Amino acid sequence: MRFSMAVLTLALFGCLRSSAQEAPELTTITVGKDQQVSAFLDAAALLVGKPILYDPNSQRLQKSQMMGVEMIHAVPKGKELDLVRSILAFHEITLIPVGPKGYDILIAIDSRSTNNLVKNKAVYVDYKDLARYEDRDGLYISCAIPIRHIENLTMLRTALSTMVTPAGIGRVHEVPGASRIIIMDYAPTVVAMARIVQEMDVDPEPVVTQTIVLGHAAAVALAATLKELFVSEAKPDPRQPPMMAGRFVAAPRIAAYEPRNAIVVVATEKDLARIREVITQLDVPPGE
């Protein structure tokens, strides 16, 4: 059978921007539908300037495995490895760097492999730099994300674990003593989980305490009504994991103080305003 062997070619495109600055040099990658994956790896090694080792007998790289797509695409010079990784991610192949820094080589491994080399060679990324990695498909990274307000890290880990790459590839660990969540997975997945954590890990609303003296209604009866209205609605849905445990959710606390016929409320400013509105409506003379 005759294959159409595509090669990776380097092309430099020059043009002037409106500011008269030169556009960046671009590298064009051409992929043929009938190109063998192993041939793509051989050509990619020449393009990125690093040897790429692979087992030609592996399930992902067997001789019958073809790229399956026709593609011509250009990326800025220096981003070739990122694009190669992204293309290989589609074929479930991960490139792992091994060897001395600056003299390293790349090993192509089946992404679904249980080979610990994938996890042991995770690239550490500081959480402050995560946004730069959201488009780095195929790059396996680790990141320690600081947690400032969520107290139940075990429940946070449980929820995040449903998002990781399956087959034991993605991992989430909590470090309660350091208030950190460690995530190991492919870069786009880690970035997505970090953003969810950031969205949830916010400073809880401060609570205030206020005593409201009633003019007409009975404190005990009105307190019971207010609890039914406001405390019950703050109860978490039992079908959902209690991600907001601890300080993250502050349910209103309402009590009657009979000696002064008053209602004592401990709640956020927002809840307190709603409670006061209801008290105003119900604390009226009998018959009104």
Protein backbone atom coordinates (compact mmCIF):
# COMPACT_ATOMS: atom_id res chain seq x y z
CA MET A 1 0.00 0.00 0.00
CA ARG A 2 1.39 3.39 -0.96
CA PHE A 3 1.13 6.19 1.55
CA SER A 4 1.15 9.88 0.91
CA MET A 5 3.98 10.92 3.21
CA ALA A 6 3.57 14.51 4.36
CA VAL A 7 6.47 16.30 5.94
CA LEU A 8 6.76 19.17 8.34
CA THR A 9 8.07 22.19 6.51
CA LEU A 10 9.42 25.47 7.75
CA ALA A 11 8.25 28.64 6.03
CA LEU A 12 8.99 32.21 6.94
CA PHE A 13 6.34 34.77 6.23
CA GLY A 14 7.25 38.43 6.14
CA CYS A 15 4.77 41.25 6.15
CA LEU A 16 4.52 44.74 7.51
CA ARG A 17 2.05 45.62 10.22
CA SER A 18 0.29 48.94 10.29
CA SER A 19 2.85 50.02 12.88
CA ALA A 20 5.66 49.16 10.44
CA GLN A 21 6.83 46.36 12.78
CA GLU A 22 7.63 43.00 11.24
CA ALA A 23 5.27 40.11 11.91
CA PRO A 24 6.72 37.16 13.84
CA GLU A 25 8.26 34.33 11.88
CA LEU A 26 5.79 31.50 11.40
CA THR A 27 6.36 27.78 11.18
CA THR A 28 3.95 25.93 8.91
CA ILE A 29 3.06 22.33 9.71
CA THR A 30 1.51 20.24 6.95
CA VAL A 31 -0.12 16.92 7.89
CA GLY A 32 -1.41 14.32 5.43
CA LYS A 33 -4.40 12.11 6.15
CA ASP A 34 -2.47 8.93 5.24
CA GLN A 35 0.65 9.94 7.14
CA GLN A 36 1.72 7.42 9.75
CA VAL A 37 1.80 8.71 13.32
CA SER A 38 5.36 7.41 13.66
CA ALA A 39 6.37 9.41 10.57
CA PHE A 40 4.80 12.50 12.11
CA LEU A 41 6.88 11.95 15.26
CA ASP A 42 10.07 11.60 13.21
CA ALA A 43 9.38 14.85 11.36
CA ALA A 44 8.30 16.62 14.59
CA ALA A 45 11.64 15.73 16.17
CA LEU A 46 13.45 17.60 13.39
CA LEU A 47 11.13 20.57 13.74
CA VAL A 48 11.36 21.02 17.53
CA GLY A 49 15.05 20.20 17.67
CA LYS A 50 14.72 17.39 20.20
CA PRO A 51 14.88 13.62 19.70
CA ILE A 52 11.51 11.89 20.16
CA LEU A 53 11.69 8.26 21.27
CA TYR A 54 8.74 5.90 20.85
CA ASP A 55 7.91 2.19 20.72
CA PRO A 56 6.72 1.47 17.15
CA ASN A 57 4.91 -1.63 18.43
CA SER A 58 2.78 0.22 20.97
CA GLN A 59 -0.96 0.29 20.44
CA ARG A 60 -0.96 4.01 19.65
CA LEU A 61 1.96 3.80 17.20
CA GLN A 62 1.38 0.57 15.36
CA LYS A 63 2.11 0.75 11.61
CA SER A 64 -1.55 0.96 10.62
CA GLN A 65 -2.13 4.07 12.74
CA MET A 66 -2.59 7.09 10.47
CA MET A 67 -3.00 10.78 11.25
CA GLY A 68 -6.42 10.69 9.58
CA VAL A 69 -6.67 14.41 8.79
CA GLU A 70 -5.40 16.87 6.19
CA MET A 71 -4.03 20.00 7.82
CA ILE A 72 -1.88 23.00 7.03
CA HIS A 73 -1.38 25.32 9.98
CA ALA A 74 1.11 28.01 11.01
CA VAL A 75 2.28 28.98 14.49
CA PRO A 76 4.83 31.53 15.73
CA LYS A 77 8.38 30.28 15.79
CA GLY A 78 9.14 28.78 19.21
CA LYS A 79 5.59 27.43 19.60
CA GLU A 80 6.17 24.36 17.43
CA LEU A 81 6.36 21.95 20.36
CA ASP A 82 3.09 23.28 21.78
CA LEU A 83 1.32 22.62 18.47
CA VAL A 84 2.88 19.17 18.10
CA ARG A 85 1.73 18.29 21.62
CA SER A 86 -1.80 19.48 20.80
CA ILE A 87 -1.94 17.39 17.63
CA LEU A 88 -0.68 14.31 19.45
CA ALA A 89 -3.20 14.86 22.26
CA PHE A 90 -5.92 14.19 19.67
CA HIS A 91 -4.26 10.81 19.10
CA GLU A 92 -3.95 10.24 22.88
CA ILE A 93 -0.17 10.49 22.87
CA THR A 94 1.78 12.44 25.50
CA LEU A 95 5.31 13.77 25.09
CA ILE A 96 7.34 13.45 28.30
CA PRO A 97 10.71 15.25 28.68
CA VAL A 98 13.52 13.15 30.19
CA GLY A 99 17.20 13.79 30.73
CA PRO A 100 19.29 16.78 31.87
CA LYS A 101 17.70 20.19 31.54
CA GLY A 102 18.73 21.79 28.29
CA TYR A 103 19.77 18.43 26.88
CA ASP A 104 16.52 16.60 27.40
CA ILE A 105 14.75 14.35 24.92
CA LEU A 106 11.06 13.55 24.52
CA ILE A 107 9.38 10.18 24.98
CA ALA A 108 6.03 9.54 23.29
CA ILE A 109 3.71 7.58 25.61
CA ASP A 110 0.11 6.45 25.27
CA SER A 111 -1.91 8.99 27.31
CA ARG A 112 -3.99 6.16 28.76
CA SER A 113 -0.92 4.28 29.92
CA THR A 114 -0.51 3.54 33.62
CA ASN A 115 3.21 4.25 33.22
CA ASN A 116 4.19 6.36 36.23
CA LEU A 117 6.65 8.26 34.06
CA VAL A 118 3.78 10.55 33.02
CA LYS A 119 3.00 11.52 36.62
CA ASN A 120 6.58 11.57 37.86
CA LYS A 121 7.64 13.98 35.11
CA ALA A 122 4.82 16.46 35.57
CA VAL A 123 5.90 20.03 34.86
CA TYR A 124 5.37 22.15 37.98
CA VAL A 125 3.50 25.40 37.32
CA ASP A 126 3.05 28.17 39.86
CA TYR A 127 -0.65 28.89 40.32
CA LYS A 128 -0.06 32.55 39.47
CA ASP A 129 1.12 31.50 36.00
CA LEU A 130 -1.65 28.99 35.27
CA ALA A 131 -3.51 31.24 32.83
CA ARG A 132 -0.57 30.97 30.42
CA TYR A 133 -1.12 27.21 30.17
CA GLU A 134 -4.82 27.00 29.34
CA ASP A 135 -4.11 26.22 25.67
CA ARG A 136 -1.23 23.79 26.28
CA ASP A 137 -3.03 20.60 25.29
CA GLY A 138 -1.06 17.42 25.93
CA LEU A 139 1.22 18.99 28.55
CA TYR A 140 1.01 17.18 31.91
CA ILE A 141 1.49 19.59 34.81
CA SER A 142 1.15 19.84 38.58
CA CYS A 143 0.06 22.86 40.57
CA ALA A 144 -0.47 23.65 44.26
CA ILE A 145 -3.47 25.96 44.62
CA PRO A 146 -3.79 27.94 47.87
CA ILE A 147 -7.15 27.81 49.65
CA ARG A 148 -8.03 30.81 51.78
CA HIS A 149 -11.64 30.39 52.87
CA ILE A 150 -12.99 26.91 52.12
CA GLU A 151 -12.46 24.84 55.25
CA ASN A 152 -13.50 21.37 54.15
CA LEU A 153 -10.68 20.48 51.76
CA THR A 154 -11.71 16.82 51.69
CA MET A 155 -15.08 17.67 50.18
CA LEU A 156 -13.39 20.07 47.77
CA ARG A 157 -11.06 17.30 46.64
CA THR A 158 -13.99 14.91 46.19
CA ALA A 159 -15.82 17.38 43.97
CA LEU A 160 -12.75 18.21 41.86
CA SER A 161 -11.87 14.54 41.43
CA THR A 162 -14.94 14.10 39.21
CA MET A 163 -13.33 16.45 36.66
CA VAL A 164 -9.90 14.84 36.28
CA THR A 165 -8.76 12.82 33.28
CA PRO A 166 -9.93 9.22 33.96
CA ALA A 167 -7.94 5.98 34.24
CA GLY A 168 -5.91 7.35 37.15
CA ILE A 169 -4.16 9.94 35.00
CA GLY A 170 -5.49 13.04 36.75
CA ARG A 171 -5.12 13.36 40.52
CA VAL A 172 -6.21 15.74 43.28
CA HIS A 173 -4.74 15.81 46.79
CA GLU A 174 -5.54 18.06 49.73
CA VAL A 175 -2.91 19.34 52.16
CA PRO A 176 -4.93 20.66 55.13
CA GLY A 177 -1.91 21.84 57.12
CA ALA A 178 -0.76 24.04 54.26
CA SER A 179 -4.26 24.98 53.04
CA ARG A 180 -3.43 23.74 49.56
CA ILE A 181 -5.03 21.58 46.89
CA ILE A 182 -2.53 19.84 44.60
CA ILE A 183 -3.78 19.00 41.11
CA MET A 184 -1.91 16.86 38.56
CA ASP A 185 -3.40 16.59 35.08
CA TYR A 186 -3.16 17.97 31.58
CA ALA A 187 -2.79 21.74 31.56
CA PRO A 188 -6.27 22.77 30.25
CA THR A 189 -7.96 20.55 32.85
CA VAL A 190 -5.85 21.96 35.71
CA VAL A 191 -6.60 25.52 34.61
CA ALA A 192 -10.35 24.80 34.45
CA MET A 193 -10.36 23.29 37.96
CA ALA A 194 -8.27 26.15 39.36
CA ARG A 195 -10.80 28.66 38.05
CA ILE A 196 -13.65 26.78 39.70
CA VAL A 197 -11.74 26.81 43.00
CA GLN A 198 -11.13 30.54 42.62
CA GLU A 199 -14.84 31.13 41.99
CA MET A 200 -15.81 29.27 45.18
CA ASP A 201 -12.96 30.28 47.47
CA VAL A 202 -14.21 33.77 48.27
CA ASP A 203 -14.30 35.71 51.50
CA PRO A 204 -17.62 34.96 53.23
CA GLU A 205 -19.95 37.84 53.93
CA PRO A 206 -19.45 39.23 57.45
CA VAL A 207 -22.33 38.69 59.87
CA VAL A 208 -23.86 41.24 62.20
CA THR A 209 -25.96 40.92 65.34
CA GLN A 210 -29.04 43.01 65.93
CA THR A 211 -31.80 43.07 68.54
CA ILE A 212 -35.18 44.18 67.20
CA VAL A 213 -37.73 45.16 69.87
CA LEU A 214 -41.31 44.39 68.81
CA GLY A 215 -44.18 46.74 69.39
CA HIS A 216 -47.13 44.40 68.91
CA ALA A 217 -46.27 40.82 67.80
CA ALA A 218 -45.24 38.12 70.29
CA ALA A 219 -41.50 37.45 70.05
CA VAL A 220 -41.72 33.66 70.42
CA ALA A 221 -44.35 33.22 67.72
CA LEU A 222 -42.69 35.64 65.32
CA ALA A 223 -39.26 34.03 65.84
CA ALA A 224 -40.75 30.65 64.88
CA THR A 225 -42.18 32.15 61.69
CA LEU A 226 -38.90 33.83 60.78
CA LYS A 227 -36.93 30.62 61.31
CA GLU A 228 -39.32 28.78 59.01
CA LEU A 229 -38.88 31.44 56.34
CA PHE A 230 -35.16 32.12 56.47
CA VAL A 231 -33.30 29.32 58.24
CA SER A 232 -34.91 26.48 56.30
CA GLU A 233 -34.09 28.09 52.94
CA ALA A 234 -30.42 28.24 53.90
CA LYS A 235 -30.17 24.48 54.40
CA PRO A 236 -27.95 22.85 51.75
CA ASP A 237 -29.42 20.47 49.21
CA PRO A 238 -28.67 16.97 50.62
CA ARG A 239 -28.23 15.70 47.06
CA GLN A 240 -25.25 18.00 46.51
CA PRO A 241 -21.81 17.68 48.15
CA PRO A 242 -21.43 20.22 50.99
CA MET A 243 -18.79 22.23 49.16
CA MET A 244 -19.71 25.33 51.10
CA ALA A 245 -19.03 23.86 54.52
CA GLY A 246 -17.55 25.93 57.32
CA ARG A 247 -17.43 29.71 57.05
CA PHE A 248 -18.44 29.73 53.40
CA VAL A 249 -22.18 29.63 54.15
CA ALA A 250 -23.60 31.61 57.08
CA ALA A 251 -27.23 30.72 57.72
CA PRO A 252 -29.21 33.32 59.68
CA ARG A 253 -29.68 32.63 63.39
CA ILE A 254 -32.90 33.88 64.93
CA ALA A 255 -34.01 33.75 68.58
CA ALA A 256 -36.73 35.29 70.73
CA TYR A 257 -35.84 37.30 73.87
CA GLU A 258 -39.04 37.29 75.87
CA PRO A 259 -38.11 39.76 78.69
CA ARG A 260 -38.00 42.57 76.12
CA ASN A 261 -40.33 40.96 73.59
CA ALA A 262 -37.53 41.19 71.06
CA ILE A 263 -36.05 39.25 68.16
CA VAL A 264 -32.29 38.67 68.15
CA VAL A 265 -30.83 38.11 64.65
CA VAL A 266 -27.33 37.05 63.64
CA ALA A 267 -27.03 37.24 59.85
CA THR A 268 -25.35 38.90 56.92
CA GLU A 269 -26.36 42.46 56.07
CA LYS A 270 -28.33 41.18 53.09
CA ASP A 271 -30.29 38.60 55.11
CA LEU A 272 -30.80 41.06 57.96
CA ALA A 273 -32.45 43.54 55.60
CA ARG A 274 -34.86 40.86 54.37
CA ILE A 275 -35.67 39.76 57.93
CA ARG A 276 -36.32 43.34 59.08
CA GLU A 277 -38.67 43.83 56.12
CA VAL A 278 -40.76 40.82 57.17
CA ILE A 279 -40.78 41.93 60.83
CA THR A 280 -42.08 45.36 59.77
CA GLN A 281 -44.91 43.71 57.87
CA LEU A 282 -45.90 41.36 60.73
CA ASP A 283 -45.30 43.54 63.80
CA VAL A 284 -48.65 45.35 63.60
CA PRO A 285 -51.52 45.82 66.09
CA PRO A 286 -53.99 42.93 66.24
CA GLY A 287 -56.77 43.17 63.66
CA GLU A 288 -54.73 45.15 61.15
